Amino acid sequence: MRTLLAAGIILLGAAPVTAQREDRWQVTLNDGTIVWELHLVRFRDDTLIVQRRDSTLRFPIAQVDELRLVRKAERRQTAEPNRYGGVLGGSDDEVFRLTLYNLAERRQIVAQIFKDHPPAPSP
């Protein structure tokens, strides 16, 4: 019984790390290109570094129009019967629109993103 309880406590402690690994990002570049299924890695020298599958991608923040944290879709019933919200509509996504900001402001925004959503530790 104690072993089971200890295992449960260990699993509960691991939940935030698992949630971090599920964070998926999307980057929209100035030319309209959208890159999906990204995970934050690092922000250095005005360059956003992300992971996509087995590739590491680098984007100068001057070329980034938008960063979007894509939330896992959840089916939630709204106040109206037979109506659901938040399903694949992107309404729960966090969107960081960089288009109207200068380079210094973009640095601050991206640095804050990394503080609020730290990358998962490397395996």
C-alpha atoms as a PDB file:
ATOM      1  CA  MET A   1       0.000   0.000   0.000  1.00  0.00           C
ATOM      2  CA  ARG A   2       2.800   2.399   0.899  1.00  0.00           C
ATOM      3  CA  THR A   3       4.574   1.616  -2.372  1.00  0.00           C
ATOM      4  CA  LEU A   4       1.413   2.432  -4.307  1.00  0.00           C
ATOM      5  CA  LEU A   5       0.967   5.689  -2.383  1.00  0.00           C
ATOM      6  CA  ALA A   6       4.602   6.671  -3.005  1.00  0.00           C
ATOM      7  CA  ALA A   7       4.238   5.905  -6.707  1.00  0.00           C
ATOM      8  CA  GLY A   8       1.108   8.072  -6.854  1.00  0.00           C
ATOM      9  CA  ILE A   9       2.895  10.971  -5.182  1.00  0.00           C
ATOM     10  CA  ILE A  10       5.816  10.640  -7.589  1.00  0.00           C
ATOM     11  CA  LEU A  11       3.430  10.644 -10.563  1.00  0.00           C
ATOM     12  CA  LEU A  12       1.640  13.719  -9.238  1.00  0.00           C
ATOM     13  CA  GLY A  13       4.968  15.492  -8.939  1.00  0.00           C
ATOM     14  CA  ALA A  14       5.746  14.637 -12.566  1.00  0.00           C
ATOM     15  CA  ALA A  15       2.490  16.085 -13.920  1.00  0.00           C
ATOM     16  CA  PRO A  16       3.772  19.646 -14.566  1.00  0.00           C
ATOM     17  CA  VAL A  17       6.739  18.358 -16.594  1.00  0.00           C
ATOM     18  CA  THR A  18       4.411  16.226 -18.687  1.00  0.00           C
ATOM     19  CA  ALA A  19       2.142  19.222 -19.247  1.00  0.00           C
ATOM     20  CA  GLN A  20       5.106  21.327 -20.352  1.00  0.00           C
ATOM     21  CA  ARG A  21       6.092  18.725 -22.924  1.00  0.00           C
ATOM     22  CA  GLU A  22       2.612  18.900 -24.371  1.00  0.00           C
ATOM     23  CA  ASP A  23       2.933  22.630 -25.068  1.00  0.00           C
ATOM     24  CA  ARG A  24       2.734  23.020 -28.825  1.00  0.00           C
ATOM     25  CA  TRP A  25       3.585  26.260 -30.558  1.00  0.00           C
ATOM     26  CA  GLN A  26       2.925  27.695 -33.975  1.00  0.00           C
ATOM     27  CA  VAL A  27       5.030  30.410 -35.634  1.00  0.00           C
ATOM     28  CA  THR A  28       3.766  32.668 -38.411  1.00  0.00           C
ATOM     29  CA  LEU A  29       6.530  34.402 -40.375  1.00  0.00           C
ATOM     30  CA  ASN A  30       6.394  37.760 -42.182  1.00  0.00           C
ATOM     31  CA  ASP A  31       5.970  36.029 -45.540  1.00  0.00           C
ATOM     32  CA  GLY A  32       2.846  34.191 -44.322  1.00  0.00           C
ATOM     33  CA  THR A  33       4.553  30.836 -43.740  1.00  0.00           C
ATOM     34  CA  ILE A  34       3.083  28.966 -40.776  1.00  0.00           C
ATOM     35  CA  VAL A  35       5.194  26.366 -38.992  1.00  0.00           C
ATOM     36  CA  TRP A  36       3.272  23.951 -36.735  1.00  0.00           C
ATOM     37  CA  GLU A  37       3.930  21.479 -33.944  1.00  0.00           C
ATOM     38  CA  LEU A  38       6.853  23.297 -32.358  1.00  0.00           C
ATOM     39  CA  HIS A  39       8.331  23.099 -28.875  1.00  0.00           C
ATOM     40  CA  LEU A  40      10.302  25.971 -27.356  1.00  0.00           C
ATOM     41  CA  VAL A  41      14.018  25.340 -26.918  1.00  0.00           C
ATOM     42  CA  ARG A  42      15.839  28.652 -26.388  1.00  0.00           C
ATOM     43  CA  PHE A  43      15.879  32.360 -27.158  1.00  0.00           C
ATOM     44  CA  ARG A  44      19.339  33.741 -27.867  1.00  0.00           C
ATOM     45  CA  ASP A  45      20.817  36.606 -29.925  1.00  0.00           C
ATOM     46  CA  ASP A  46      17.394  37.723 -31.239  1.00  0.00           C
ATOM     47  CA  THR A  47      16.802  34.195 -32.521  1.00  0.00           C
ATOM     48  CA  LEU A  48      13.933  31.953 -31.512  1.00  0.00           C
ATOM     49  CA  ILE A  49      15.068  28.331 -31.402  1.00  0.00           C
ATOM     50  CA  VAL A  50      12.389  25.631 -31.525  1.00  0.00           C
ATOM     51  CA  GLN A  51      12.180  21.876 -31.983  1.00  0.00           C
ATOM     52  CA  ARG A  52       9.993  20.179 -34.582  1.00  0.00           C
ATOM     53  CA  ARG A  53      10.119  16.408 -34.495  1.00  0.00           C
ATOM     54  CA  ASP A  54      13.839  15.658 -34.949  1.00  0.00           C
ATOM     55  CA  SER A  55      14.741  19.090 -36.372  1.00  0.00           C
ATOM     56  CA  THR A  56      15.905  22.224 -34.638  1.00  0.00           C
ATOM     57  CA  LEU A  57      14.660  25.384 -36.335  1.00  0.00           C
ATOM     58  CA  ARG A  58      15.879  28.967 -35.875  1.00  0.00           C
ATOM     59  CA  PHE A  59      13.861  32.090 -36.635  1.00  0.00           C
ATOM     60  CA  PRO A  60      15.135  35.665 -36.263  1.00  0.00           C
ATOM     61  CA  ILE A  61      12.434  37.408 -34.216  1.00  0.00           C
ATOM     62  CA  ALA A  62      12.430  40.279 -36.730  1.00  0.00           C
ATOM     63  CA  GLN A  63      10.886  37.795 -39.203  1.00  0.00           C
ATOM     64  CA  VAL A  64       8.247  36.446 -36.784  1.00  0.00           C
ATOM     65  CA  ASP A  65       4.731  37.898 -37.081  1.00  0.00           C
ATOM     66  CA  GLU A  66       3.046  35.739 -34.485  1.00  0.00           C
ATOM     67  CA  LEU A  67       3.699  33.092 -31.864  1.00  0.00           C
ATOM     68  CA  ARG A  68       0.755  30.962 -30.789  1.00  0.00           C
ATOM     69  CA  LEU A  69       0.563  28.493 -27.927  1.00  0.00           C
ATOM     70  CA  VAL A  70      -1.873  25.920 -29.266  1.00  0.00           C
ATOM     71  CA  ARG A  71      -3.964  24.544 -26.435  1.00  0.00           C
ATOM     72  CA  LYS A  72      -5.102  20.962 -26.479  1.00  0.00           C
ATOM     73  CA  ALA A  73      -8.712  20.899 -27.666  1.00  0.00           C
ATOM     74  CA  GLU A  74     -11.219  20.108 -24.957  1.00  0.00           C
ATOM     75  CA  ARG A  75     -14.887  19.508 -25.404  1.00  0.00           C
ATOM     76  CA  ARG A  76     -16.814  21.655 -22.901  1.00  0.00           C
ATOM     77  CA  GLN A  77     -20.529  22.094 -22.805  1.00  0.00           C
ATOM     78  CA  THR A  78     -21.609  25.739 -22.764  1.00  0.00           C
ATOM     79  CA  ALA A  79     -24.687  27.228 -21.092  1.00  0.00           C
ATOM     80  CA  GLU A  80     -26.835  26.346 -24.109  1.00  0.00           C
ATOM     81  CA  PRO A  81     -27.872  22.708 -24.380  1.00  0.00           C
ATOM     82  CA  ASN A  82     -26.160  20.764 -27.189  1.00  0.00           C
ATOM     83  CA  ARG A  83     -23.579  23.546 -27.737  1.00  0.00           C
ATOM     84  CA  TYR A  84     -19.888  23.071 -27.107  1.00  0.00           C
ATOM     85  CA  GLY A  85     -17.054  25.577 -26.828  1.00  0.00           C
ATOM     86  CA  GLY A  86     -13.309  25.449 -27.287  1.00  0.00           C
ATOM     87  CA  VAL A  87     -13.341  22.503 -29.686  1.00  0.00           C
ATOM     88  CA  LEU A  88     -10.735  22.995 -32.419  1.00  0.00           C
ATOM     89  CA  GLY A  89     -11.651  26.657 -32.651  1.00  0.00           C
ATOM     90  CA  GLY A  90      -8.461  28.027 -31.165  1.00  0.00           C
ATOM     91  CA  SER A  91     -10.399  30.079 -28.649  1.00  0.00           C
ATOM     92  CA  ASP A  92      -8.159  28.871 -25.816  1.00  0.00           C
ATOM     93  CA  ASP A  93      -4.877  29.545 -27.646  1.00  0.00           C
ATOM     94  CA  GLU A  94      -2.463  32.182 -26.358  1.00  0.00           C
ATOM     95  CA  VAL A  95      -1.562  34.478 -29.258  1.00  0.00           C
ATOM     96  CA  PHE A  96       1.441  36.799 -29.247  1.00  0.00           C
ATOM     97  CA  ARG A  97       1.217  39.145 -32.237  1.00  0.00           C
ATOM     98  CA  LEU A  98       4.628  40.749 -32.827  1.00  0.00           C
ATOM     99  CA  THR A  99       3.928  42.580 -36.085  1.00  0.00           C
ATOM    100  CA  LEU A 100       3.436  46.065 -34.654  1.00  0.00           C
ATOM    101  CA  TYR A 101       6.416  45.970 -32.281  1.00  0.00           C
ATOM    102  CA  ASN A 102      10.000  47.075 -32.822  1.00  0.00           C
ATOM    103  CA  LEU A 103      12.928  44.741 -32.183  1.00  0.00           C
ATOM    104  CA  ALA A 104      13.448  45.810 -28.545  1.00  0.00           C
ATOM    105  CA  GLU A 105       9.767  45.250 -27.756  1.00  0.00           C
ATOM    106  CA  ARG A 106       9.837  41.881 -29.510  1.00  0.00           C
ATOM    107  CA  ARG A 107      12.814  40.853 -27.350  1.00  0.00           C
ATOM    108  CA  GLN A 108      10.828  41.681 -24.211  1.00  0.00           C
ATOM    109  CA  ILE A 109       7.750  39.780 -25.395  1.00  0.00           C
ATOM    110  CA  VAL A 110       9.679  36.653 -26.386  1.00  0.00           C
ATOM    111  CA  ALA A 111      11.716  36.748 -23.158  1.00  0.00           C
ATOM    112  CA  GLN A 112       8.453  36.918 -21.197  1.00  0.00           C
ATOM    113  CA  ILE A 113       7.062  33.964 -23.166  1.00  0.00           C
ATOM    114  CA  PHE A 114      10.083  31.903 -22.096  1.00  0.00           C
ATOM    115  CA  LYS A 115       9.560  32.955 -18.461  1.00  0.00           C
ATOM    116  CA  ASP A 116       5.863  32.069 -18.546  1.00  0.00           C
ATOM    117  CA  HIS A 117       6.318  28.874 -20.593  1.00  0.00           C
ATOM    118  CA  PRO A 118       9.776  27.455 -19.847  1.00  0.00           C
ATOM    119  CA  PRO A 119      10.938  24.734 -22.239  1.00  0.00           C
ATOM    120  CA  ALA A 120      10.795  21.162 -21.025  1.00  0.00           C
ATOM    121  CA  PRO A 121      14.139  19.794 -19.896  1.00  0.00           C
ATOM    122  CA  SER A 122      16.092  17.818 -22.480  1.00  0.00           C
ATOM    123  CA  PRO A 123      15.749  14.038 -22.109  1.00  0.00           C
END
